[in-house]
Amino acid sequence: MTKSPVTVIGLGPMGAAMAATFLGNGHPTTLWNRTAAKAEPLVAKGATLAATPADALAASDLIVISQTDYAAMYDSLDGDGDGDVAHALKGRVVVNLSSGSPDELRRAGEWASRHGADLLTGGVMTPPQGIGQPGAYVFYSGQEATLDRHRETLSELGDAMFVGSDLGLSMLYYQAQLYLFWSTLAAYMHSVALLGTAGVSAEQFRPFAATTVRDLATDGPMGFLKILTEMFDAGVHPGDDHTLRMQAVGADHVVEAAREAGIDTAGPLALRDLFWRAVDAGHGSDGLSSVIEVIRRP
């Protein structure tokens, strides 16, 4: 059986990978990009390059957008007030996998409704080379029934994780995951740089860093993701033998070590200041989990 057609708008590395995945899985795939030349490799493999955005929208019920930001969607589909584009949007499912802020995504839902389209927003949790590969997943928000209509097709990009009807929620999940990812890797870079001043190679340190990251996610005594999660949800922050004040003093020492080593101190300073703000807010005798209270209410 012929698979359902898909239109992909935006052919940067991510959009091109998505289009190639749909095409490789047997979907008639229509493309539109502001720089038409980027479509040539995919057209050579059987994709169709639409002459106009209206033609691209008319080709498929499912429209997948991967552009720089949401402003690019408006510029591409609504910028010139083209009545043909507005008409072609009616009845379509628009899946925007571009980055933005949660409120931007919510406003985009209003825009789509005015044009008679259903919007799904998404956050793609894999680099372009991971599209369609095991382990890839995408956060989606909007109407679950709309996702279900196209879940099989969209799951070809990665597992479809529905997180709620609030159109901004997919981006909140996406940004939360990015922050966790980037800050963890930045901390690793700082640790490598710190040890490097004493002649320790990154490879010498890597096994210890890997153990720490792995242990954080376990259910064992070092499984702090689980431990902190239970404390967050219960709203309790027991200090026991490891009070936040003790750990704030330890953060002071991390800053001192970085200064002595002559490496950048911005990251350690931010962490130290966060700890001490929580202490000053009255959480000195509480545990580390109490820091979330000053993050929630700065």
Protein backbone atom coordinates (compact mmCIF):
# COMPACT_ATOMS: atom_id res chain seq x y z
CA MET A 1 0.00 0.00 0.00
CA THR A 2 1.17 3.52 -0.76
CA LYS A 3 2.04 5.38 2.40
CA SER A 4 0.48 8.73 3.21
CA PRO A 5 2.14 11.81 1.70
CA VAL A 6 4.14 14.17 3.89
CA THR A 7 5.28 17.72 3.28
CA VAL A 8 8.48 18.92 4.93
CA ILE A 9 9.14 22.65 5.18
CA GLY A 10 12.67 23.65 6.11
CA LEU A 11 15.72 21.77 4.88
CA GLY A 12 18.44 22.56 7.36
CA PRO A 13 20.30 19.53 8.75
CA MET A 14 17.32 18.47 10.88
CA GLY A 15 14.64 19.03 8.25
CA ALA A 16 16.69 17.32 5.57
CA ALA A 17 17.16 14.30 7.84
CA MET A 18 13.42 14.15 8.49
CA ALA A 19 12.59 14.40 4.79
CA ALA A 20 15.12 11.68 3.98
CA THR A 21 13.59 9.44 6.64
CA PHE A 22 10.04 9.86 5.34
CA LEU A 23 11.23 9.35 1.78
CA GLY A 24 13.22 6.26 2.71
CA ASN A 25 10.18 4.79 4.45
CA GLY A 26 8.08 5.08 1.32
CA HIS A 27 6.14 8.29 1.87
CA PRO A 28 5.55 10.55 -1.13
CA THR A 29 7.49 13.54 0.19
CA THR A 30 7.03 17.13 -0.90
CA LEU A 31 9.56 19.78 0.04
CA TRP A 32 9.70 23.52 0.33
CA ASN A 33 12.65 25.59 1.47
CA ARG A 34 13.46 29.25 1.19
CA THR A 35 16.72 28.24 -0.51
CA ALA A 36 15.47 25.81 -3.14
CA ALA A 37 18.94 24.42 -3.96
CA LYS A 38 19.01 22.60 -0.62
CA ALA A 39 16.30 20.28 -1.91
CA GLU A 40 18.36 18.96 -4.82
CA PRO A 41 19.87 15.87 -3.09
CA LEU A 42 16.41 14.79 -1.90
CA VAL A 43 14.78 15.49 -5.25
CA ALA A 44 17.42 13.23 -6.81
CA LYS A 45 16.13 10.46 -4.51
CA GLY A 46 12.50 10.95 -5.48
CA ALA A 47 11.16 13.86 -3.43
CA THR A 48 9.11 16.62 -5.05
CA LEU A 49 10.12 20.25 -4.71
CA ALA A 50 7.06 22.49 -4.53
CA ALA A 51 7.22 25.73 -6.46
CA THR A 52 5.42 27.70 -3.74
CA PRO A 53 4.49 27.27 -0.07
CA ALA A 54 0.85 26.94 -1.13
CA ASP A 55 1.74 24.05 -3.43
CA ALA A 56 3.69 22.39 -0.61
CA LEU A 57 0.73 22.65 1.76
CA ALA A 58 -1.71 21.39 -0.83
CA ALA A 59 0.35 18.25 -1.45
CA SER A 60 -0.22 16.62 1.97
CA ASP A 61 -2.51 16.58 4.95
CA LEU A 62 0.53 16.29 7.24
CA ILE A 63 2.92 19.25 7.22
CA VAL A 64 6.18 18.89 9.18
CA ILE A 65 8.10 22.11 9.77
CA SER A 66 11.72 22.29 10.88
CA GLN A 67 13.00 25.85 10.61
CA THR A 68 15.19 28.17 12.63
CA ASP A 69 12.30 29.45 14.72
CA TYR A 70 8.59 30.13 14.65
CA ALA A 71 9.11 33.48 12.97
CA ALA A 72 10.41 31.55 9.96
CA MET A 73 7.10 29.67 9.77
CA TYR A 74 5.17 32.93 9.65
CA ASP A 75 7.55 34.35 7.05
CA SER A 76 7.21 31.24 4.91
CA LEU A 77 3.49 30.65 5.22
CA ASP A 78 1.95 33.95 6.18
CA GLY A 79 4.50 36.66 5.56
CA ASP A 80 3.08 38.02 2.34
CA GLY A 81 -0.57 37.54 3.22
CA ASP A 82 -0.94 35.12 0.30
CA GLY A 83 -4.55 34.02 0.19
CA ASP A 84 -3.56 30.77 -1.49
CA VAL A 85 -1.35 29.86 1.47
CA ALA A 86 -4.06 30.70 3.98
CA HIS A 87 -6.54 28.59 2.04
CA ALA A 88 -4.10 25.69 1.74
CA LEU A 89 -3.56 25.61 5.51
CA LYS A 90 -7.22 24.88 6.15
CA GLY A 91 -7.76 21.33 7.37
CA ARG A 92 -4.06 20.52 7.55
CA VAL A 93 -2.16 19.11 10.52
CA VAL A 94 0.90 21.30 11.03
CA VAL A 95 3.65 19.74 13.13
CA ASN A 96 6.21 22.38 14.01
CA LEU A 97 9.44 20.89 15.35
CA SER A 98 11.33 24.19 15.45
CA SER A 99 12.74 25.68 18.62
CA GLY A 100 11.14 28.59 20.45
CA SER A 101 9.75 29.68 23.79
CA PRO A 102 6.65 28.03 25.29
CA ASP A 103 4.57 31.18 24.87
CA GLU A 104 5.63 31.41 21.22
CA LEU A 105 4.25 27.92 20.68
CA ARG A 106 0.98 28.82 22.36
CA ARG A 107 0.61 31.88 20.13
CA ALA A 108 1.35 29.68 17.13
CA GLY A 109 -1.64 27.55 18.11
CA GLU A 110 -3.86 30.63 17.89
CA TRP A 111 -2.37 31.45 14.49
CA ALA A 112 -3.02 27.92 13.22
CA SER A 113 -6.61 28.01 14.48
CA ARG A 114 -7.26 31.26 12.64
CA HIS A 115 -6.19 29.46 9.46
CA GLY A 116 -8.28 26.38 10.17
CA ALA A 117 -5.27 24.14 10.83
CA ASP A 118 -4.46 21.84 13.74
CA LEU A 119 -1.07 22.48 15.32
CA LEU A 120 1.13 19.97 17.09
CA THR A 121 4.32 21.33 18.63
CA GLY A 122 7.37 19.24 19.25
CA GLY A 123 10.85 19.08 20.71
CA VAL A 124 13.23 16.70 18.98
CA MET A 125 15.56 14.94 21.40
CA THR A 126 18.21 13.73 19.00
CA PRO A 127 20.73 15.34 16.62
CA PRO A 128 20.04 15.13 12.87
CA GLN A 129 22.04 11.92 12.47
CA GLY A 130 19.86 10.27 15.11
CA ILE A 131 16.56 10.88 13.31
CA GLY A 132 14.84 7.56 12.73
CA GLN A 133 17.38 5.66 14.79
CA PRO A 134 16.81 3.63 17.98
CA GLY A 135 16.74 5.85 21.04
CA ALA A 136 15.43 8.93 19.22
CA TYR A 137 12.30 10.50 20.63
CA VAL A 138 10.22 13.64 20.20
CA PHE A 139 8.08 15.44 22.77
CA TYR A 140 4.67 16.43 21.35
CA SER A 141 1.91 18.61 22.73
CA GLY A 142 -1.47 19.63 21.37
CA GLN A 143 -4.52 17.48 20.84
CA GLU A 144 -3.66 13.83 21.43
CA ALA A 145 -6.28 12.71 18.92
CA THR A 146 -4.47 14.75 16.26
CA LEU A 147 -1.18 13.09 17.14
CA ASP A 148 -2.82 9.67 17.08
CA ARG A 149 -3.99 10.23 13.50
CA HIS A 150 -0.39 10.58 12.39
CA ARG A 151 1.47 8.78 15.18
CA GLU A 152 2.65 5.94 12.95
CA THR A 153 4.20 8.34 10.45
CA LEU A 154 5.70 10.69 13.03
CA SER A 155 7.12 7.74 14.98
CA GLU A 156 9.40 7.10 12.02
CA LEU A 157 11.39 10.14 13.21
CA GLY A 158 11.61 8.85 16.79
CA ASP A 159 9.31 7.63 19.54
CA ALA A 160 6.35 10.02 19.85
CA MET A 161 6.08 11.15 23.48
CA PHE A 162 2.79 12.95 24.10
CA VAL A 163 3.15 15.28 27.10
CA GLY A 164 -0.11 17.20 27.18
CA SER A 165 -2.58 19.48 25.45
CA ASP A 166 -0.76 22.71 26.38
CA LEU A 167 1.09 23.59 23.18
CA GLY A 168 3.95 25.10 25.18
CA LEU A 169 4.58 21.95 27.18
CA SER A 170 6.61 20.14 24.53
CA MET A 171 9.07 23.03 24.51
CA LEU A 172 9.25 23.11 28.31
CA TYR A 173 10.27 19.45 28.25
CA TYR A 174 12.70 20.14 25.41
CA GLN A 175 14.34 23.11 27.13
CA ALA A 176 14.51 21.23 30.44
CA GLN A 177 16.28 18.33 28.77
CA LEU A 178 18.66 20.63 26.89
CA TYR A 179 19.57 22.49 30.07
CA LEU A 180 20.24 19.23 31.87
CA PHE A 181 22.32 17.96 28.95
CA TRP A 182 24.35 21.12 28.40
CA SER A 183 24.98 21.88 32.06
CA THR A 184 26.12 18.31 32.73
CA LEU A 185 28.56 18.41 29.83
CA ALA A 186 29.75 21.91 30.80
CA ALA A 187 30.45 20.63 34.33
CA TYR A 188 32.42 17.76 32.79
CA MET A 189 34.44 20.26 30.73
CA HIS A 190 35.20 22.26 33.87
CA SER A 191 36.28 19.11 35.70
CA VAL A 192 38.55 18.05 32.83
CA ALA A 193 40.09 21.52 32.70
CA LEU A 194 40.65 21.56 36.46
CA LEU A 195 42.43 18.20 36.47
CA GLY A 196 44.27 19.09 33.30
CA THR A 197 46.18 21.79 35.18
CA ALA A 198 47.80 18.94 37.15
CA GLY A 199 48.62 16.92 34.06
CA VAL A 200 45.65 14.54 34.28
CA SER A 201 44.26 13.65 30.86
CA ALA A 202 40.57 13.68 30.02
CA GLU A 203 40.71 9.94 29.40
CA GLN A 204 42.16 9.31 32.86
CA PHE A 205 39.21 11.13 34.41
CA ARG A 206 36.48 9.86 32.10
CA PRO A 207 35.79 6.54 33.93
CA PHE A 208 35.21 8.38 37.21
CA ALA A 209 32.90 10.91 35.53
CA ALA A 210 31.01 8.09 33.84
CA THR A 211 30.53 6.34 37.19
CA THR A 212 29.12 9.51 38.74
CA VAL A 213 26.68 10.13 35.89
CA ARG A 214 25.58 6.49 35.88
CA ASP A 215 25.15 6.29 39.64
CA LEU A 216 22.99 9.41 39.73
CA ALA A 217 20.32 7.55 37.75
CA THR A 218 20.36 4.30 39.73
CA ASP A 219 18.02 3.27 42.54
CA GLY A 220 20.97 2.67 44.86
CA PRO A 221 22.36 4.86 47.66
CA MET A 222 23.96 7.23 45.12
CA GLY A 223 20.80 7.48 43.02
CA PHE A 224 20.23 11.14 43.68
CA LEU A 225 17.78 11.66 40.83
CA LYS A 226 15.36 9.31 42.57
CA ILE A 227 16.20 10.60 46.06
CA LEU A 228 15.71 14.26 45.10
CA THR A 229 12.56 13.49 43.11
CA GLU A 230 10.94 11.92 46.17
CA MET A 231 11.90 14.95 48.27
CA PHE A 232 10.61 17.42 45.67
CA ASP A 233 7.26 15.68 45.41
CA ALA A 234 6.94 15.33 49.20
CA GLY A 235 8.02 18.93 49.82
CA VAL A 236 10.54 17.90 52.47
CA HIS A 237 14.29 18.56 52.52
CA PRO A 238 15.95 16.65 55.37
CA GLY A 239 19.47 17.81 56.11
CA ASP A 240 20.54 14.91 58.32
CA ASP A 241 24.35 14.74 58.31
CA HIS A 242 24.76 16.64 55.03
CA THR A 243 23.24 20.06 55.44
CA LEU A 244 23.09 22.57 52.64
CA ARG A 245 25.38 24.90 54.63
CA MET A 246 28.07 22.21 54.59
CA GLN A 247 27.68 21.79 50.84
CA ALA A 248 27.76 25.55 50.26
CA VAL A 249 31.13 25.65 52.03
CA GLY A 250 32.22 22.84 49.74
CA ALA A 251 31.13 24.92 46.76
CA ASP A 252 33.35 27.73 48.07
CA HIS A 253 36.28 25.32 47.86
CA VAL A 254 35.44 24.37 44.24
CA VAL A 255 35.62 28.07 43.33
CA GLU A 256 38.94 28.45 45.18
CA ALA A 257 40.38 25.43 43.38
CA ALA A 258 39.37 26.88 40.01
CA ARG A 259 40.96 30.23 40.86
CA GLU A 260 44.16 28.60 42.02
CA ALA A 261 44.27 26.54 38.82
CA GLY A 262 43.75 29.64 36.68
CA ILE A 263 40.69 28.31 34.85
CA ASP A 264 37.32 29.96 34.30
CA THR A 265 35.26 30.33 37.47
CA ALA A 266 31.89 31.45 36.08
CA GLY A 267 30.19 28.05 36.40
CA PRO A 268 31.44 27.26 39.92
CA LEU A 269 30.61 30.81 41.06
CA ALA A 270 27.03 30.49 39.78
CA LEU A 271 26.63 27.19 41.63
CA ARG A 272 28.18 28.54 44.83
CA ASP A 273 26.00 31.64 44.77
CA LEU A 274 22.89 29.53 44.25
CA PHE A 275 23.73 27.40 47.27
CA TRP A 276 24.40 30.41 49.48
CA ARG A 277 21.18 32.14 48.37
CA ALA A 278 19.31 29.06 49.57
CA VAL A 279 21.22 29.15 52.86
CA ASP A 280 20.41 32.85 53.28
CA ALA A 281 16.75 32.05 52.56
CA GLY A 282 16.70 29.84 55.66
CA HIS A 283 17.60 26.44 54.24
CA GLY A 284 21.06 26.10 55.78
CA SER A 285 20.05 23.17 57.99
CA ASP A 286 18.03 21.53 55.23
CA GLY A 287 19.42 19.20 52.59
CA LEU A 288 20.59 19.84 49.04
CA SER A 289 17.08 19.35 47.67
CA SER A 290 16.02 22.63 49.35
CA VAL A 291 17.86 24.59 46.64
CA ILE A 292 14.84 24.02 44.42
CA GLU A 293 12.86 26.38 46.62
CA VAL A 294 14.97 29.41 45.62
CA ILE A 295 14.95 28.25 41.99
CA ARG A 296 11.15 28.16 42.07
CA ARG A 297 10.88 31.48 43.91
CA PRO A 298 14.00 33.55 43.23
